[in-house]
Amino acid sequence: MAGKAGLKAGLIGGAVVLVLTLLGMIQVLSCFCCGLNWLVYLGIGVLAGSFLDVPRTAGSGASAGALAGAISGAVGGIASAIISVVRMFIAGPGQMVSAIPPQQLQQLRDLGIDRDMLDIFMGTGGVAIGSGVCCLGSLFVGAVLGAIGGAIYASMKKV
């Protein structure tokens, strides 16, 4: 029961989060889309709670909301990871290091960090690690906020 409601709300929420992630590629909108994602995760939990059969309990609402939020978070995280990798390949790994001022590069060289090491960290390796952490983070945040939204809705609207 909660699984079916969570899956249905998660797929709907995944589509919404995907659109917000794509809108986040526009520089002006990127600041708003991040905060909006958190509200969407709460709303997805509420939607999952509303899909539950009556009588609803806070526990079933939380589990449906957590599933829906996790699905949506996974969709958003995977989309963000793909966008990050595509952006890195378009810009080129060396472009990221060339943005560092020469004085800072010299300080890093003095510490024993060479430019090749920075290319690896700020290039493909850094994007892969950052994308993985971001994907897991959005999955976790989506599940937690979805569970909160589902539990609140199910406890308020038992019938």
N, C-alpha and C. Protein backbone atom coordinates (compact mmCIF):
# COMPACT_ATOMS: atom_id res chain seq x y z
N MET A 1 0.83 -1.19 0.00
CA MET A 1 0.00 0.00 0.00
C MET A 1 0.87 1.26 0.00
N ALA A 2 1.78 1.34 0.97
CA ALA A 2 2.64 2.52 1.03
C ALA A 2 3.65 2.52 -0.10
N GLY A 3 4.05 1.31 -0.53
CA GLY A 3 5.01 1.21 -1.62
C GLY A 3 4.43 1.70 -2.93
N LYS A 4 3.17 1.34 -3.19
CA LYS A 4 2.52 1.76 -4.43
C LYS A 4 2.31 3.28 -4.45
N ALA A 5 1.88 3.82 -3.32
CA ALA A 5 1.68 5.28 -3.24
C ALA A 5 3.01 6.01 -3.35
N GLY A 6 4.04 5.48 -2.71
CA GLY A 6 5.36 6.10 -2.77
C GLY A 6 5.95 6.05 -4.16
N LEU A 7 5.75 4.93 -4.85
CA LEU A 7 6.27 4.79 -6.20
C LEU A 7 5.58 5.75 -7.16
N LYS A 8 4.27 5.84 -7.05
CA LYS A 8 3.52 6.74 -7.94
C LYS A 8 3.91 8.20 -7.69
N ALA A 9 3.97 8.60 -6.44
CA ALA A 9 4.35 9.98 -6.12
C ALA A 9 5.82 10.23 -6.46
N GLY A 10 6.66 9.22 -6.29
CA GLY A 10 8.08 9.36 -6.61
C GLY A 10 8.32 9.58 -8.09
N LEU A 11 7.57 8.89 -8.93
CA LEU A 11 7.72 9.09 -10.37
C LEU A 11 7.24 10.48 -10.80
N ILE A 12 6.15 10.91 -10.22
CA ILE A 12 5.66 12.27 -10.52
C ILE A 12 6.66 13.29 -10.01
N GLY A 13 7.14 13.11 -8.80
CA GLY A 13 8.12 14.02 -8.22
C GLY A 13 9.44 13.98 -8.97
N GLY A 14 9.82 12.82 -9.47
CA GLY A 14 11.05 12.70 -10.25
C GLY A 14 11.00 13.56 -11.50
N ALA A 15 9.82 13.60 -12.14
CA ALA A 15 9.67 14.44 -13.33
C ALA A 15 9.79 15.92 -12.96
N VAL A 16 9.21 16.30 -11.83
CA VAL A 16 9.28 17.70 -11.39
C VAL A 16 10.72 18.08 -11.04
N VAL A 17 11.41 17.21 -10.32
CA VAL A 17 12.80 17.48 -9.93
C VAL A 17 13.71 17.51 -11.16
N LEU A 18 13.43 16.67 -12.14
CA LEU A 18 14.21 16.68 -13.37
C LEU A 18 14.06 18.01 -14.09
N VAL A 19 12.84 18.53 -14.16
CA VAL A 19 12.63 19.84 -14.79
C VAL A 19 13.36 20.92 -14.02
N LEU A 20 13.28 20.88 -12.70
CA LEU A 20 13.99 21.88 -11.88
C LEU A 20 15.50 21.78 -12.05
N THR A 21 16.01 20.56 -12.18
CA THR A 21 17.44 20.37 -12.39
C THR A 21 17.86 20.95 -13.73
N LEU A 22 17.06 20.73 -14.74
CA LEU A 22 17.38 21.29 -16.06
C LEU A 22 17.26 22.80 -16.05
N LEU A 23 16.29 23.34 -15.32
CA LEU A 23 16.18 24.80 -15.20
C LEU A 23 17.35 25.37 -14.42
N GLY A 24 17.93 24.57 -13.52
CA GLY A 24 19.07 25.01 -12.74
C GLY A 24 20.32 25.24 -13.58
N MET A 25 20.31 24.75 -14.81
CA MET A 25 21.45 25.00 -15.71
C MET A 25 21.51 26.46 -16.11
N ILE A 26 20.38 27.16 -16.06
CA ILE A 26 20.36 28.58 -16.36
C ILE A 26 20.88 29.30 -15.12
N GLN A 27 21.94 30.08 -15.29
CA GLN A 27 22.66 30.65 -14.15
C GLN A 27 21.76 31.48 -13.24
N VAL A 28 20.86 32.24 -13.79
CA VAL A 28 20.01 33.11 -12.98
C VAL A 28 19.06 32.29 -12.11
N LEU A 29 18.60 31.16 -12.62
CA LEU A 29 17.62 30.36 -11.91
C LEU A 29 18.24 29.33 -10.97
N SER A 30 19.54 29.11 -11.09
CA SER A 30 20.16 28.03 -10.31
C SER A 30 20.06 28.26 -8.80
N CYS A 31 20.11 29.48 -8.36
CA CYS A 31 20.01 29.77 -6.92
C CYS A 31 18.62 29.43 -6.39
N PHE A 32 17.59 29.65 -7.20
CA PHE A 32 16.23 29.41 -6.75
C PHE A 32 15.87 27.93 -6.81
N CYS A 33 16.41 27.23 -7.79
CA CYS A 33 16.03 25.83 -7.99
C CYS A 33 16.52 24.94 -6.86
N CYS A 34 17.65 25.25 -6.26
CA CYS A 34 18.17 24.43 -5.17
C CYS A 34 17.21 24.46 -3.97
N GLY A 35 16.82 25.64 -3.56
CA GLY A 35 15.87 25.75 -2.46
C GLY A 35 14.50 25.22 -2.81
N LEU A 36 14.12 25.38 -4.05
CA LEU A 36 12.83 24.88 -4.50
C LEU A 36 12.80 23.35 -4.47
N ASN A 37 13.92 22.72 -4.73
CA ASN A 37 13.98 21.25 -4.66
C ASN A 37 13.59 20.75 -3.27
N TRP A 38 14.02 21.44 -2.24
CA TRP A 38 13.69 21.01 -0.89
C TRP A 38 12.19 21.10 -0.64
N LEU A 39 11.58 22.16 -1.12
CA LEU A 39 10.12 22.27 -0.98
C LEU A 39 9.40 21.22 -1.80
N VAL A 40 9.95 20.90 -2.96
CA VAL A 40 9.36 19.87 -3.80
C VAL A 40 9.43 18.52 -3.10
N TYR A 41 10.54 18.21 -2.43
CA TYR A 41 10.64 16.95 -1.71
C TYR A 41 9.57 16.85 -0.62
N LEU A 42 9.33 17.94 0.09
CA LEU A 42 8.25 17.96 1.08
C LEU A 42 6.90 17.72 0.41
N GLY A 43 6.68 18.41 -0.71
CA GLY A 43 5.42 18.26 -1.44
C GLY A 43 5.23 16.86 -1.99
N ILE A 44 6.32 16.23 -2.39
CA ILE A 44 6.24 14.86 -2.90
C ILE A 44 5.82 13.92 -1.77
N GLY A 45 6.34 14.18 -0.58
CA GLY A 45 5.91 13.39 0.58
C GLY A 45 4.44 13.57 0.88
N VAL A 46 3.97 14.80 0.77
CA VAL A 46 2.54 15.08 0.98
C VAL A 46 1.72 14.36 -0.09
N LEU A 47 2.18 14.40 -1.33
CA LEU A 47 1.48 13.72 -2.42
C LEU A 47 1.43 12.21 -2.17
N ALA A 48 2.52 11.65 -1.70
CA ALA A 48 2.55 10.22 -1.40
C ALA A 48 1.58 9.90 -0.26
N GLY A 49 1.52 10.78 0.73
CA GLY A 49 0.57 10.58 1.82
C GLY A 49 -0.87 10.66 1.36
N SER A 50 -1.13 11.52 0.39
CA SER A 50 -2.50 11.64 -0.12
C SER A 50 -2.90 10.44 -0.98
N PHE A 51 -1.94 9.74 -1.55
CA PHE A 51 -2.23 8.56 -2.36
C PHE A 51 -2.52 7.32 -1.51
N LEU A 52 -2.25 7.40 -0.20
CA LEU A 52 -2.48 6.25 0.68
C LEU A 52 -3.97 5.99 0.86
N ASP A 53 -4.29 4.71 1.06
CA ASP A 53 -5.67 4.35 1.36
C ASP A 53 -5.99 4.74 2.80
N VAL A 54 -7.26 5.03 3.06
CA VAL A 54 -7.67 5.37 4.42
C VAL A 54 -7.92 4.08 5.18
N PRO A 55 -7.71 4.03 6.44
CA PRO A 55 -7.19 5.05 7.34
C PRO A 55 -5.67 5.17 7.22
N ARG A 56 -5.24 6.39 7.17
CA ARG A 56 -3.81 6.68 7.05
C ARG A 56 -3.20 6.79 8.44
N THR A 57 -1.95 6.38 8.54
CA THR A 57 -1.21 6.56 9.79
C THR A 57 0.04 7.36 9.48
N ALA A 58 0.60 7.96 10.50
CA ALA A 58 1.82 8.74 10.30
C ALA A 58 2.96 7.85 9.83
N GLY A 59 3.01 6.61 10.30
CA GLY A 59 4.07 5.68 9.90
C GLY A 59 3.97 5.30 8.43
N SER A 60 2.75 5.02 7.96
CA SER A 60 2.60 4.67 6.55
C SER A 60 2.83 5.88 5.67
N GLY A 61 2.44 7.06 6.15
CA GLY A 61 2.71 8.28 5.40
C GLY A 61 4.20 8.57 5.31
N ALA A 62 4.90 8.32 6.41
CA ALA A 62 6.35 8.54 6.41
C ALA A 62 7.06 7.57 5.48
N SER A 63 6.64 6.31 5.47
CA SER A 63 7.32 5.34 4.60
C SER A 63 7.01 5.61 3.14
N ALA A 64 5.77 5.98 2.82
CA ALA A 64 5.44 6.32 1.43
C ALA A 64 6.17 7.58 1.00
N GLY A 65 6.23 8.57 1.88
CA GLY A 65 6.93 9.81 1.57
C GLY A 65 8.42 9.62 1.42
N ALA A 66 9.00 8.75 2.25
CA ALA A 66 10.44 8.48 2.16
C ALA A 66 10.77 7.79 0.84
N LEU A 67 9.94 6.85 0.44
CA LEU A 67 10.16 6.18 -0.84
C LEU A 67 10.04 7.16 -2.00
N ALA A 68 9.00 7.98 -1.96
CA ALA A 68 8.80 8.97 -3.03
C ALA A 68 9.94 9.98 -3.07
N GLY A 69 10.36 10.45 -1.91
CA GLY A 69 11.46 11.40 -1.86
C GLY A 69 12.77 10.80 -2.31
N ALA A 70 13.01 9.52 -1.96
CA ALA A 70 14.24 8.86 -2.39
C ALA A 70 14.27 8.67 -3.90
N ILE A 71 13.15 8.30 -4.48
CA ILE A 71 13.09 8.15 -5.93
C ILE A 71 13.34 9.49 -6.61
N SER A 72 12.69 10.53 -6.12
CA SER A 72 12.87 11.86 -6.70
C SER A 72 14.28 12.36 -6.49
N GLY A 73 14.83 12.13 -5.32
CA GLY A 73 16.20 12.54 -5.05
C GLY A 73 17.19 11.82 -5.94
N ALA A 74 16.94 10.53 -6.20
CA ALA A 74 17.83 9.78 -7.08
C ALA A 74 17.76 10.32 -8.51
N VAL A 75 16.56 10.64 -8.97
CA VAL A 75 16.42 11.21 -10.32
C VAL A 75 17.15 12.54 -10.41
N GLY A 76 16.95 13.40 -9.42
CA GLY A 76 17.62 14.70 -9.41
C GLY A 76 19.12 14.57 -9.29
N GLY A 77 19.59 13.66 -8.45
CA GLY A 77 21.03 13.46 -8.28
C GLY A 77 21.70 12.92 -9.52
N ILE A 78 21.07 11.96 -10.17
CA ILE A 78 21.63 11.40 -11.40
C ILE A 78 21.64 12.45 -12.51
N ALA A 79 20.56 13.23 -12.61
CA ALA A 79 20.53 14.29 -13.63
C ALA A 79 21.61 15.33 -13.36
N SER A 80 21.82 15.71 -12.11
CA SER A 80 22.87 16.67 -11.77
C SER A 80 24.25 16.12 -12.09
N ALA A 81 24.45 14.84 -11.81
CA ALA A 81 25.75 14.22 -12.10
C ALA A 81 26.02 14.21 -13.60
N ILE A 82 25.03 13.88 -14.38
CA ILE A 82 25.21 13.87 -15.83
C ILE A 82 25.50 15.27 -16.35
N ILE A 83 24.78 16.26 -15.83
CA ILE A 83 25.02 17.65 -16.25
C ILE A 83 26.42 18.09 -15.87
N SER A 84 26.89 17.73 -14.68
CA SER A 84 28.24 18.11 -14.25
C SER A 84 29.31 17.50 -15.13
N VAL A 85 29.13 16.24 -15.49
CA VAL A 85 30.12 15.58 -16.34
C VAL A 85 30.12 16.20 -17.73
N VAL A 86 28.95 16.48 -18.27
CA VAL A 86 28.87 17.10 -19.60
C VAL A 86 29.50 18.48 -19.58
N ARG A 87 29.23 19.26 -18.53
CA ARG A 87 29.85 20.59 -18.42
C ARG A 87 31.36 20.51 -18.34
N MET A 88 31.87 19.52 -17.62
CA MET A 88 33.31 19.37 -17.48
C MET A 88 33.94 19.02 -18.82
N PHE A 89 33.30 18.14 -19.58
CA PHE A 89 33.86 17.76 -20.87
C PHE A 89 33.76 18.90 -21.89
N ILE A 90 32.73 19.72 -21.77
CA ILE A 90 32.62 20.87 -22.68
C ILE A 90 33.69 21.90 -22.35
N ALA A 91 33.86 22.19 -21.05
CA ALA A 91 34.85 23.19 -20.64
C ALA A 91 36.26 22.65 -20.76
N GLY A 92 36.42 21.37 -20.59
CA GLY A 92 37.76 20.77 -20.62
C GLY A 92 38.37 20.80 -19.24
N PRO A 93 39.04 19.72 -18.84
CA PRO A 93 39.59 19.65 -17.48
C PRO A 93 40.64 20.72 -17.20
N GLY A 94 41.42 21.10 -18.18
CA GLY A 94 42.45 22.10 -17.97
C GLY A 94 41.90 23.49 -17.73
N GLN A 95 40.68 23.75 -18.19
CA GLN A 95 40.06 25.07 -18.03
C GLN A 95 39.78 25.38 -16.56
N MET A 96 39.49 24.36 -15.80
CA MET A 96 39.17 24.59 -14.40
C MET A 96 40.41 25.03 -13.63
N VAL A 97 41.55 24.45 -13.93
CA VAL A 97 42.78 24.81 -13.23
C VAL A 97 43.27 26.17 -13.69
N SER A 98 43.03 26.49 -14.95
CA SER A 98 43.50 27.79 -15.45
C SER A 98 42.75 28.96 -14.82
N ALA A 99 41.64 28.68 -14.15
CA ALA A 99 40.90 29.74 -13.47
C ALA A 99 41.53 30.12 -12.13
N ILE A 100 42.46 29.32 -11.66
CA ILE A 100 43.13 29.62 -10.38
C ILE A 100 44.19 30.69 -10.63
N PRO A 101 44.21 31.74 -9.82
CA PRO A 101 45.22 32.79 -9.98
C PRO A 101 46.64 32.25 -9.86
N PRO A 102 47.59 32.84 -10.58
CA PRO A 102 48.97 32.34 -10.56
C PRO A 102 49.61 32.33 -9.16
N GLN A 103 49.26 33.30 -8.33
CA GLN A 103 49.83 33.34 -6.98
C GLN A 103 49.40 32.11 -6.17
N GLN A 104 48.14 31.74 -6.32
CA GLN A 104 47.67 30.56 -5.59
C GLN A 104 48.29 29.28 -6.14
N LEU A 105 48.47 29.22 -7.46
CA LEU A 105 49.15 28.07 -8.04
C LEU A 105 50.56 27.94 -7.50
N GLN A 106 51.25 29.08 -7.35
CA GLN A 106 52.61 29.05 -6.81
C GLN A 106 52.60 28.56 -5.37
N GLN A 107 51.63 29.02 -4.58
CA GLN A 107 51.53 28.57 -3.20
C GLN A 107 51.28 27.06 -3.13
N LEU A 108 50.43 26.56 -4.04
CA LEU A 108 50.17 25.12 -4.08
C LEU A 108 51.42 24.34 -4.49
N ARG A 109 52.20 24.89 -5.44
CA ARG A 109 53.45 24.25 -5.84
C ARG A 109 54.43 24.21 -4.66
N ASP A 110 54.45 25.28 -3.87
CA ASP A 110 55.32 25.32 -2.70
C ASP A 110 54.93 24.25 -1.67
N LEU A 111 53.66 23.91 -1.64
CA LEU A 111 53.19 22.87 -0.73
C LEU A 111 53.41 21.46 -1.28
N GLY A 112 53.89 21.38 -2.52
CA GLY A 112 54.16 20.08 -3.12
C GLY A 112 53.04 19.56 -4.01
N ILE A 113 52.07 20.40 -4.31
CA ILE A 113 50.96 20.00 -5.18
C ILE A 113 51.24 20.56 -6.57
N ASP A 114 51.38 19.66 -7.54
CA ASP A 114 51.68 20.13 -8.89
C ASP A 114 50.41 20.27 -9.73
N ARG A 115 50.57 20.85 -10.89
CA ARG A 115 49.42 21.15 -11.77
C ARG A 115 48.73 19.87 -12.27
N ASP A 116 49.50 18.81 -12.51
CA ASP A 116 48.90 17.56 -12.97
C ASP A 116 47.96 16.98 -11.91
N MET A 117 48.36 17.10 -10.67
CA MET A 117 47.52 16.62 -9.57
C MET A 117 46.22 17.42 -9.51
N LEU A 118 46.32 18.72 -9.70
CA LEU A 118 45.12 19.57 -9.70
C LEU A 118 44.22 19.25 -10.88
N ASP A 119 44.82 18.96 -12.05
CA ASP A 119 44.02 18.59 -13.21
C ASP A 119 43.19 17.35 -12.93
N ILE A 120 43.79 16.39 -12.25
CA ILE A 120 43.06 15.16 -11.93
C ILE A 120 41.96 15.45 -10.92
N PHE A 121 42.30 16.19 -9.86
CA PHE A 121 41.32 16.45 -8.81
C PHE A 121 40.19 17.35 -9.29
N MET A 122 40.52 18.39 -10.03
CA MET A 122 39.50 19.34 -10.47
C MET A 122 38.88 18.92 -11.80
N GLY A 123 39.44 17.93 -12.43
CA GLY A 123 38.92 17.46 -13.71
C GLY A 123 37.97 16.30 -13.50
N THR A 124 38.24 15.24 -14.20
CA THR A 124 37.35 14.09 -14.21
C THR A 124 37.17 13.48 -12.83
N GLY A 125 38.26 13.29 -12.09
CA GLY A 125 38.17 12.67 -10.78
C GLY A 125 37.35 13.50 -9.81
N GLY A 126 37.59 14.80 -9.80
CA GLY A 126 36.85 15.67 -8.89
C GLY A 126 35.38 15.74 -9.22
N VAL A 127 35.06 15.78 -10.51
CA VAL A 127 33.66 15.82 -10.91
C VAL A 127 32.97 14.51 -10.56
N ALA A 128 33.67 13.39 -10.74
CA ALA A 128 33.08 12.09 -10.42
C ALA A 128 32.82 11.96 -8.92
N ILE A 129 33.78 12.37 -8.11
CA ILE A 129 33.60 12.30 -6.65
C ILE A 129 32.50 13.26 -6.20
N GLY A 130 32.55 14.49 -6.70
CA GLY A 130 31.54 15.47 -6.34
C GLY A 130 30.15 15.07 -6.77
N SER A 131 30.04 14.49 -7.95
CA SER A 131 28.72 14.05 -8.44
C SER A 131 28.18 12.90 -7.62
N GLY A 132 29.06 11.99 -7.22
CA GLY A 132 28.61 10.88 -6.39
C GLY A 132 28.13 11.34 -5.02
N VAL A 133 28.86 12.25 -4.42
CA VAL A 133 28.46 12.78 -3.12
C VAL A 133 27.15 13.56 -3.24
N CYS A 134 27.03 14.33 -4.31
CA CYS A 134 25.81 15.11 -4.53
C CYS A 134 24.61 14.19 -4.75
N CYS A 135 24.82 13.12 -5.51
CA CYS A 135 23.73 12.18 -5.79
C CYS A 135 23.25 11.51 -4.51
N LEU A 136 24.19 11.06 -3.68
CA LEU A 136 23.81 10.44 -2.41
C LEU A 136 23.16 11.45 -1.47
N GLY A 137 23.66 12.68 -1.50
CA GLY A 137 23.08 13.72 -0.66
C GLY A 137 21.65 14.04 -1.04
N SER A 138 21.37 14.14 -2.33
CA SER A 138 20.01 14.45 -2.76
C SER A 138 19.08 13.27 -2.48
N LEU A 139 19.60 12.06 -2.57
CA LEU A 139 18.80 10.89 -2.24
C LEU A 139 18.42 10.91 -0.76
N PHE A 140 19.39 11.22 0.10
CA PHE A 140 19.15 11.27 1.55
C PHE A 140 18.20 12.40 1.92
N VAL A 141 18.48 13.61 1.39
CA VAL A 141 17.62 14.76 1.71
C VAL A 141 16.20 14.53 1.19
N GLY A 142 16.09 13.98 -0.02
CA GLY A 142 14.77 13.69 -0.57
C GLY A 142 14.00 12.71 0.29
N ALA A 143 14.66 11.66 0.77
CA ALA A 143 13.99 10.67 1.60
C ALA A 143 13.55 11.26 2.93
N VAL A 144 14.42 12.04 3.55
CA VAL A 144 14.08 12.62 4.86
C VAL A 144 12.93 13.62 4.73
N LEU A 145 13.04 14.54 3.78
CA LEU A 145 11.99 15.55 3.64
C LEU A 145 10.69 14.93 3.14
N GLY A 146 10.79 13.92 2.27
CA GLY A 146 9.58 13.22 1.83
C GLY A 146 8.89 12.51 2.98
N ALA A 147 9.67 11.90 3.86
CA ALA A 147 9.10 11.22 5.02
C ALA A 147 8.42 12.22 5.96
N ILE A 148 9.03 13.37 6.13
CA ILE A 148 8.41 14.40 6.98
C ILE A 148 7.09 14.86 6.38
N GLY A 149 7.09 15.15 5.08
CA GLY A 149 5.86 15.60 4.42
C GLY A 149 4.77 14.55 4.46
N GLY A 150 5.13 13.29 4.20
CA GLY A 150 4.14 12.21 4.22
C GLY A 150 3.58 11.97 5.61
N ALA A 151 4.44 12.02 6.62
CA ALA A 151 3.98 11.79 7.99
C ALA A 151 3.05 12.91 8.46
N ILE A 152 3.41 14.14 8.14
CA ILE A 152 2.56 15.26 8.56
C ILE A 152 1.20 15.18 7.89
N TYR A 153 1.19 14.92 6.58
CA TYR A 153 -0.09 14.87 5.87
C TYR A 153 -0.95 13.71 6.36
N ALA A 154 -0.33 12.54 6.52
CA ALA A 154 -1.10 11.36 6.94
C ALA A 154 -1.65 11.51 8.35
N SER A 155 -0.93 12.19 9.23
CA SER A 155 -1.42 12.38 10.58
C SER A 155 -2.50 13.44 10.65
N MET A 156 -2.49 14.38 9.71
CA MET A 156 -3.52 15.43 9.71
C MET A 156 -4.80 14.98 8.98
N LYS A 157 -4.64 14.18 7.92
CA LYS A 157 -5.79 13.74 7.13
C LYS A 157 -5.93 12.23 7.24
N LYS A 158 -6.43 11.76 8.37
CA LYS A 158 -6.55 10.32 8.57
C LYS A 158 -7.63 9.71 7.70
N VAL A 159 -8.66 10.45 7.39
CA VAL A 159 -9.75 9.94 6.54
C VAL A 159 -9.88 10.73 5.27
